[in-house]
C-alpha cells in the first residue's frame, strides 16, 4: 500500500510542477506581449542548446519545463526530441554519487547529442511530413491595449466579490506549500528539487493574487486548470501505476539480468517506460562493471525519466513519434559505441 501511496504522491508532484510551469511560461509570454515566443521560434540553434541543457540537468524538472515550452509553441519538434535525448531523469543524481566523473562525461555527451539530433530531426520533419503538437496548442494570446498583464492587487478592494477560481487556485497553492514544508508530500529532504518546487509555488501564489480577472479566468482557470491539468494527472498516475505493477508482479529486473547477450537492446526497450526506476538496473550494473559504457549510454539516451508523462496528456501521437526518433537514434549511437568496444 505504501508503494501505491508513494506513486500517488509522485503523480501529484509532477502535476503540480507542470501546472506551475505552464502558468509561468504563459504569464511571461503574455507579459512580454509574445516576445518570448518570437525570440525562441526564430532561433533554432538557441532552442536546441537551451532545451538540451535543461534536459541534461539532473532530475526531471528541466524536461517538464521543456514540455511547457513545447506545448506553448516555443520549441520545435526537433528541439523537444533533443531535450528528451539529453534527459537522464532522477538517476542522474545516483550516477553522480556512484561514478561522478563518468556521469559528468555522460551528461556532456547527451547534451551534445541532444543538440545534434535536434537539428537532424528538424531536417527530417518535412520529409516525413510530421505536423508537431496539433492537439496541444494553448489558448491564443490576447494582446489588446485594454488589458494590463502586470501586478494588480485592486481585486482585494472588491472583496468579497473575488473570483471563486482565484480563491481556489490560491488555496490549493498554499495547501501544497504547507504540505511540502511539513513533509506531508514531496521529497523529505530539502534538496534542489524540493527547494525549486517550493520557490515555484510561492511565485505561483504571487501570480494568482496579482493578475487581472480576465487573465486568471480565461488563461489559468478555463484553459490550463480545467482543460489540461486533470489530463496531466490522470495520464501520469496511470503510467506510474502501470510501471509499479510491472515491477512488482512481472519482475522486470530479473528479466533484464537473465538476458546479458541482448542487454543493449533490452536497455533500449526498458527506456521506453516513462519511469526513472528501471534505468537504475543499468546504472547499478555499470557501477559494478557488469555492462559496458555503450549500454549505459543507450539506456540514458532513450529513457527520459518522467519527462514524457506531461506530454502524453497533450498529444499521444507526438509522444510516440518523439520516442520512436529517440529509439532509432539511441540504438544507432549505442551500437556505434558498442562496436568501438566502449
Protein backbone atom coordinates (compact mmCIF):
# COMPACT_ATOMS: atom_id res chain seq x y z
CA UNK A 1 0.00 0.00 0.00
CA UNK A 2 2.86 2.40 0.83
CA UNK A 3 4.27 1.94 -2.69
CA UNK A 4 0.96 2.97 -4.23
CA UNK A 5 0.63 5.96 -1.90
CA UNK A 6 4.14 6.96 -2.96
CA UNK A 7 3.03 6.65 -6.60
CA UNK A 8 0.05 8.92 -5.94
CA UNK A 9 2.37 11.40 -4.19
CA UNK A 10 4.74 11.34 -7.16
CA UNK A 11 1.90 11.89 -9.63
CA UNK A 12 0.68 14.88 -7.60
CA UNK A 13 4.16 16.42 -7.52
CA UNK A 14 4.60 16.05 -11.27
CA UNK A 15 1.16 17.54 -11.92
CA UNK A 16 1.73 20.49 -9.59
CA UNK A 17 5.09 21.28 -11.18
CA UNK A 18 3.68 21.04 -14.71
CA UNK A 19 0.76 23.32 -13.75
CA UNK A 20 3.08 25.93 -12.23
CA UNK A 21 5.45 25.88 -15.20
CA UNK A 22 2.56 26.19 -17.65
CA UNK A 23 1.28 29.21 -15.71
CA UNK A 24 4.71 30.86 -15.51
CA UNK A 25 5.53 30.27 -19.19
CA UNK A 26 2.11 31.55 -20.26
CA UNK A 27 2.33 34.54 -17.93
CA UNK A 28 5.83 35.51 -19.10
CA UNK A 29 4.77 35.15 -22.72
CA UNK A 30 1.75 37.40 -22.22
CA UNK A 31 3.67 39.85 -20.01
CA UNK A 32 6.25 40.32 -22.78
CA UNK A 33 3.43 40.52 -25.37
CA UNK A 34 4.65 37.45 -27.22
CA UNK A 35 8.31 38.48 -27.49
CA UNK A 36 9.36 35.26 -25.70
CA UNK A 37 7.58 33.24 -28.36
CA UNK A 38 9.09 35.24 -31.20
CA UNK A 39 12.59 35.02 -29.76
CA UNK A 40 12.54 31.25 -29.29
CA UNK A 41 10.79 30.49 -32.57
CA UNK A 42 13.30 32.47 -34.60
CA UNK A 43 16.42 30.88 -33.16
CA UNK A 44 16.53 27.13 -33.78
CA UNK A 45 20.09 26.63 -32.51
CA UNK A 46 19.20 28.54 -29.35
CA UNK A 47 16.20 26.25 -28.88
CA UNK A 48 18.39 23.19 -29.33
CA UNK A 49 21.00 24.42 -26.88
CA UNK A 50 18.61 25.60 -24.16
CA UNK A 51 16.35 22.53 -24.44
CA UNK A 52 19.29 20.10 -24.34
CA UNK A 53 20.86 21.96 -21.42
CA UNK A 54 17.62 21.83 -19.43
CA UNK A 55 17.27 18.15 -20.30
CA UNK A 56 20.85 17.40 -19.22
CA UNK A 57 20.33 18.90 -15.76
CA UNK A 58 19.78 16.22 -13.09
CA UNK A 59 16.19 15.26 -12.35
CA UNK A 60 13.01 15.72 -14.37
CA UNK A 61 12.29 19.40 -13.72
CA UNK A 62 14.18 20.51 -16.82
CA UNK A 63 12.25 18.11 -19.04
CA UNK A 64 8.92 19.29 -17.55
CA UNK A 65 9.91 22.86 -18.37
CA UNK A 66 10.79 21.80 -21.92
CA UNK A 67 7.33 20.24 -22.31
CA UNK A 68 5.78 23.51 -21.11
CA UNK A 69 7.78 25.40 -23.75
CA UNK A 70 6.84 22.87 -26.43
CA UNK A 71 3.09 22.95 -25.84
CA UNK A 72 3.22 26.75 -25.91
CA UNK A 73 4.96 26.54 -29.30
CA UNK A 74 8.34 27.85 -28.10
CA UNK A 75 10.25 24.70 -29.10
CA UNK A 76 10.35 22.91 -32.43
CA UNK A 77 9.69 19.19 -32.74
CA UNK A 78 13.41 18.59 -33.15
CA UNK A 79 14.19 20.62 -30.02
CA UNK A 80 11.87 18.53 -27.84
CA UNK A 81 13.38 15.34 -29.31
CA UNK A 82 16.84 16.65 -28.41
CA UNK A 83 15.64 17.63 -24.96
CA UNK A 84 14.41 14.11 -24.24
CA UNK A 85 17.67 12.64 -25.56
CA UNK A 86 19.64 14.78 -23.11
CA UNK A 87 17.36 13.86 -20.19
CA UNK A 88 18.55 11.18 -17.75
CA UNK A 89 15.85 11.59 -15.11
CA UNK A 90 16.37 11.16 -11.40
CA UNK A 91 19.07 8.55 -11.99
CA UNK A 92 21.43 11.43 -12.75
CA UNK A 93 21.75 12.00 -9.00
CA UNK A 94 22.52 8.33 -8.41
CA UNK A 95 25.13 8.30 -11.17
CA UNK A 96 26.79 11.42 -9.73
CA UNK A 97 27.01 9.64 -6.39
CA UNK A 98 28.28 6.29 -7.75
CA UNK A 99 30.63 7.37 -10.58
CA UNK A 100 30.77 11.20 -10.75
CA UNK A 101 33.43 11.58 -13.46
CA UNK A 102 31.80 9.14 -15.84
CA UNK A 103 28.38 10.65 -15.05
CA UNK A 104 29.55 14.16 -15.98
CA UNK A 105 31.07 12.79 -19.18
CA UNK A 106 27.78 11.02 -19.96
CA UNK A 107 25.74 14.21 -19.36
CA UNK A 108 28.06 16.18 -21.65
CA UNK A 109 27.80 13.55 -24.40
CA UNK A 110 23.99 13.53 -24.11
CA UNK A 111 23.93 17.34 -24.21
CA UNK A 112 25.96 17.40 -27.46
CA UNK A 113 23.96 14.52 -28.95
CA UNK A 114 20.72 16.30 -27.99
CA UNK A 115 21.73 19.38 -29.98
CA UNK A 116 22.94 17.35 -32.96
CA UNK A 117 19.91 15.08 -33.21
CA UNK A 118 17.54 18.00 -32.62
CA UNK A 119 18.98 19.53 -35.79
CA UNK A 120 18.78 16.20 -37.64
CA UNK A 121 15.16 15.69 -36.54
CA UNK A 122 14.02 19.10 -37.76
CA UNK A 123 15.63 18.29 -41.12
CA UNK A 124 13.61 15.05 -41.23
CA UNK A 125 10.30 16.61 -40.15
CA UNK A 126 9.31 17.89 -43.63
CA UNK A 127 10.49 14.64 -45.24
CA UNK A 128 8.22 12.55 -43.02
CA UNK A 129 5.53 15.28 -43.18
CA UNK A 130 5.29 15.49 -39.39
CA UNK A 131 2.96 18.20 -38.05
CA UNK A 132 4.03 18.80 -34.43
CA UNK A 133 1.68 19.08 -31.50
CA UNK A 134 -1.65 19.56 -33.25
CA UNK A 135 -3.58 18.58 -30.12
CA UNK A 136 -1.73 20.81 -27.67
CA UNK A 137 -1.96 24.35 -28.97
CA UNK A 138 -2.69 26.52 -25.96
CA UNK A 139 -5.06 29.44 -25.94
CA UNK A 140 -4.06 32.33 -28.22
CA UNK A 141 -2.63 35.45 -26.69
CA UNK A 142 -4.93 38.44 -26.15
CA UNK A 143 -2.69 41.44 -26.54
CA UNK A 144 -5.10 44.33 -27.00
CA UNK A 145 -4.16 47.53 -25.24
CA UNK A 146 -7.18 47.43 -22.94
CA UNK A 147 -5.66 44.65 -20.87
CA UNK A 148 -2.86 45.11 -18.37
CA UNK A 149 -0.88 41.99 -17.58
CA UNK A 150 1.03 43.44 -14.66
CA UNK A 151 0.80 43.26 -10.90
CA UNK A 152 -2.73 44.26 -9.93
CA UNK A 153 -3.89 43.94 -6.33
CA UNK A 154 -7.03 46.03 -6.76
CA UNK A 155 -9.21 42.92 -6.64
CA UNK A 156 -8.75 42.80 -2.86
CA UNK A 157 -10.69 46.07 -2.68
CA UNK A 158 -13.64 44.27 -4.26
CA UNK A 159 -13.71 41.57 -1.58
CA UNK A 160 -15.87 39.53 -1.14
CA UNK A 161 -16.66 39.83 -4.88
CA UNK A 162 -13.48 37.99 -5.77
CA UNK A 163 -13.41 35.30 -8.45
CA UNK A 164 -14.07 31.89 -6.93
CA UNK A 165 -11.50 30.46 -9.31
CA UNK A 166 -8.86 32.84 -7.90
CA UNK A 167 -9.63 31.75 -4.35
CA UNK A 168 -9.48 28.07 -5.33
CA UNK A 169 -6.06 28.21 -7.02
CA UNK A 170 -4.62 30.32 -4.19
CA UNK A 171 -5.90 27.90 -1.53
CA UNK A 172 -4.59 24.89 -3.48
CA UNK A 173 -1.16 26.52 -3.88
CA UNK A 174 -0.91 27.45 -0.20
CA UNK A 175 -2.01 23.94 0.78
CA UNK A 176 0.78 22.46 -1.33
CA UNK A 177 3.32 24.92 0.11
CA UNK A 178 2.41 23.89 3.67
CA UNK A 179 2.28 20.19 2.79
CA UNK A 180 5.70 20.43 1.15
CA UNK A 181 7.17 22.41 4.06
CA UNK A 182 5.94 19.90 6.66
CA UNK A 183 6.90 16.82 4.57
CA UNK A 184 3.36 15.57 4.01
CA UNK A 185 4.10 15.39 0.28
CA UNK A 186 7.19 15.52 -1.92
CA UNK A 187 10.82 14.71 -1.05
CA UNK A 188 11.60 14.52 2.64
CA UNK A 189 14.97 16.26 2.42
CA UNK A 190 15.48 19.84 1.25
CA UNK A 191 17.35 19.08 -1.92
CA UNK A 192 17.44 21.01 -5.17
CA UNK A 193 14.13 19.61 -6.44
CA UNK A 194 12.19 20.37 -3.24
CA UNK A 195 13.61 23.89 -2.96
CA UNK A 196 12.81 24.58 -6.63
CA UNK A 197 9.23 23.39 -6.24
CA UNK A 198 8.82 25.43 -3.05
CA UNK A 199 10.05 28.62 -4.74
CA UNK A 200 7.89 27.99 -7.81
CA UNK A 201 4.81 27.53 -5.63
CA UNK A 202 5.46 30.88 -3.98
CA UNK A 203 5.83 32.50 -7.41
CA UNK A 204 2.55 30.92 -8.49
CA UNK A 205 0.75 32.40 -5.48
CA UNK A 206 2.16 35.83 -6.42
CA UNK A 207 0.80 35.39 -9.96
CA UNK A 208 -2.60 34.16 -8.78
CA UNK A 209 -3.02 37.09 -6.38
CA UNK A 210 -1.91 39.88 -8.74
CA UNK A 211 -3.18 39.02 -12.24
CA UNK A 212 -6.31 40.73 -13.62
CA UNK A 213 -9.59 38.81 -13.53
CA UNK A 214 -9.71 38.31 -17.29
CA UNK A 215 -6.28 36.69 -17.47
CA UNK A 216 -6.86 34.45 -14.48
CA UNK A 217 -10.30 33.38 -15.66
CA UNK A 218 -9.51 32.76 -19.34
CA UNK A 219 -5.88 31.63 -19.30
CA UNK A 220 -5.29 29.99 -15.93
CA UNK A 221 -8.70 28.70 -14.88
CA UNK A 222 -10.65 27.84 -18.03
CA UNK A 223 -7.74 26.73 -20.16
CA UNK A 224 -4.78 25.48 -18.12
CA UNK A 225 -6.58 24.28 -14.98
CA UNK A 226 -9.87 22.94 -16.33
CA UNK A 227 -8.75 21.73 -19.74
CA UNK A 228 -5.26 20.34 -19.25
CA UNK A 229 -4.23 19.65 -15.66
CA UNK A 230 -6.69 16.85 -14.89
CA UNK A 231 -5.45 15.05 -18.00
CA UNK A 232 -1.84 15.50 -16.91
CA UNK A 233 -2.64 13.99 -13.52
CA UNK A 234 -4.60 11.00 -14.88
CA UNK A 235 -2.01 10.13 -17.53
CA UNK A 236 0.83 10.47 -15.03
CA UNK A 237 -0.91 8.37 -12.39
CA UNK A 238 -1.85 5.68 -14.95
CA UNK A 239 1.72 5.40 -16.28
CA UNK A 240 3.28 5.29 -12.81
CA UNK A 241 0.81 2.65 -11.59
CA UNK A 242 1.43 0.53 -14.68
CA UNK A 243 5.18 0.59 -14.06
CA UNK A 244 4.72 -0.12 -10.35
CA UNK A 245 2.57 -3.17 -11.12
CA UNK A 246 5.08 -4.33 -13.73
CA UNK A 247 8.00 -4.13 -11.33
CA UNK A 248 6.02 -5.81 -8.57
CA UNK A 249 4.40 -8.69 -10.46
CA UNK A 250 6.32 -9.11 -13.73
CA UNK A 251 9.81 -8.91 -12.19
CA UNK A 252 11.36 -6.73 -14.87
CA UNK A 253 14.69 -6.60 -13.02
CA UNK A 254 15.16 -10.37 -13.22
CA UNK A 255 14.20 -10.37 -16.90
CA UNK A 256 16.91 -7.84 -17.72
CA UNK A 257 19.61 -9.65 -15.76
CA UNK A 258 18.73 -13.01 -17.33
CA UNK A 259 19.50 -11.79 -20.86
CA UNK A 260 23.08 -10.47 -20.85
CA UNK A 261 23.68 -11.03 -24.60
CA UNK A 262 20.75 -8.81 -25.52
CA UNK A 263 21.40 -6.27 -22.80
CA UNK A 264 21.85 -3.30 -25.15
CA UNK A 265 18.54 -3.92 -26.91
CA UNK A 266 16.86 -4.64 -23.59
CA UNK A 267 18.13 -1.31 -22.25
CA UNK A 268 16.55 0.39 -25.28
CA UNK A 269 13.28 -1.45 -24.67
CA UNK A 270 13.24 -0.60 -20.96
CA UNK A 271 14.00 3.02 -21.90
CA UNK A 272 10.54 3.25 -23.46
CA UNK A 273 8.95 3.05 -19.99
CA UNK A 274 8.14 6.57 -18.71
CA UNK A 275 9.69 5.98 -15.31
CA UNK A 276 13.10 6.61 -13.77
CA UNK A 277 13.31 3.45 -11.66
CA UNK A 278 14.03 0.72 -14.26
CA UNK A 279 17.09 2.61 -15.52
CA UNK A 280 18.70 2.10 -12.10
CA UNK A 281 19.23 -1.54 -13.08
CA UNK A 282 21.73 -0.48 -15.73
CA UNK A 283 23.26 2.22 -13.52
CA UNK A 284 23.93 -0.39 -10.83
CA UNK A 285 25.28 -2.97 -13.29
CA UNK A 286 27.61 -0.37 -14.83
CA UNK A 287 28.85 0.67 -11.38
CA UNK A 288 29.66 -2.99 -10.70
CA UNK A 289 31.46 -3.37 -14.04
CA UNK A 290 28.92 -5.82 -15.46
CA UNK A 291 28.00 -3.82 -18.58
CA UNK A 292 29.97 -1.51 -20.90
CA UNK A 293 29.52 2.24 -21.22
CA UNK A 294 27.64 1.77 -24.52
CA UNK A 295 24.75 0.08 -22.71
CA UNK A 296 24.55 2.84 -20.08
CA UNK A 297 24.63 5.44 -22.87
CA UNK A 298 21.87 3.67 -24.82
CA UNK A 299 19.66 3.43 -21.76
CA UNK A 300 20.27 7.08 -20.77
CA UNK A 301 19.75 8.22 -24.36
CA UNK A 302 16.35 6.58 -24.82
CA UNK A 303 14.84 6.83 -21.35
CA UNK A 304 13.68 10.24 -20.16
CA UNK A 305 12.52 9.59 -16.61
CA UNK A 306 9.10 11.11 -16.06
CA UNK A 307 9.78 13.79 -18.66
CA UNK A 308 7.39 12.32 -21.24
CA UNK A 309 4.42 11.94 -18.89
CA UNK A 310 3.06 15.51 -19.13
CA UNK A 311 3.28 15.45 -22.93
CA UNK A 312 1.17 12.28 -23.06
CA UNK A 313 -1.77 14.27 -21.74
CA UNK A 314 -1.50 16.71 -24.64
CA UNK A 315 -0.60 14.53 -27.59
CA UNK A 316 -0.16 10.77 -27.60
CA UNK A 317 0.86 10.99 -31.25
CA UNK A 318 3.72 13.41 -30.54
CA UNK A 319 4.86 11.37 -27.56
CA UNK A 320 5.05 8.21 -29.68
CA UNK A 321 6.86 9.99 -32.52
CA UNK A 322 9.42 11.50 -30.13
CA UNK A 323 10.07 8.12 -28.56
CA UNK A 324 10.44 6.46 -31.99
CA UNK A 325 13.06 9.02 -33.00
CA UNK A 326 14.88 8.53 -29.70
CA UNK A 327 14.87 4.74 -30.07
CA UNK A 328 16.23 4.89 -33.63
CA UNK A 329 18.93 7.42 -32.77
CA UNK A 330 19.72 5.75 -29.43
CA UNK A 331 20.23 2.30 -30.94
CA UNK A 332 22.41 3.75 -33.71
CA UNK A 333 24.62 5.59 -31.21
CA UNK A 334 24.68 2.67 -28.76
CA UNK A 335 25.66 0.15 -31.43
CA UNK A 336 28.37 2.53 -32.69
CA UNK A 337 29.88 2.82 -29.21
CA UNK A 338 29.48 -0.92 -28.68
CA UNK A 339 31.24 -1.62 -31.99
CA UNK A 340 34.12 0.62 -30.87
CA UNK A 341 34.46 -1.52 -27.75
CA UNK A 342 33.24 1.16 -25.36
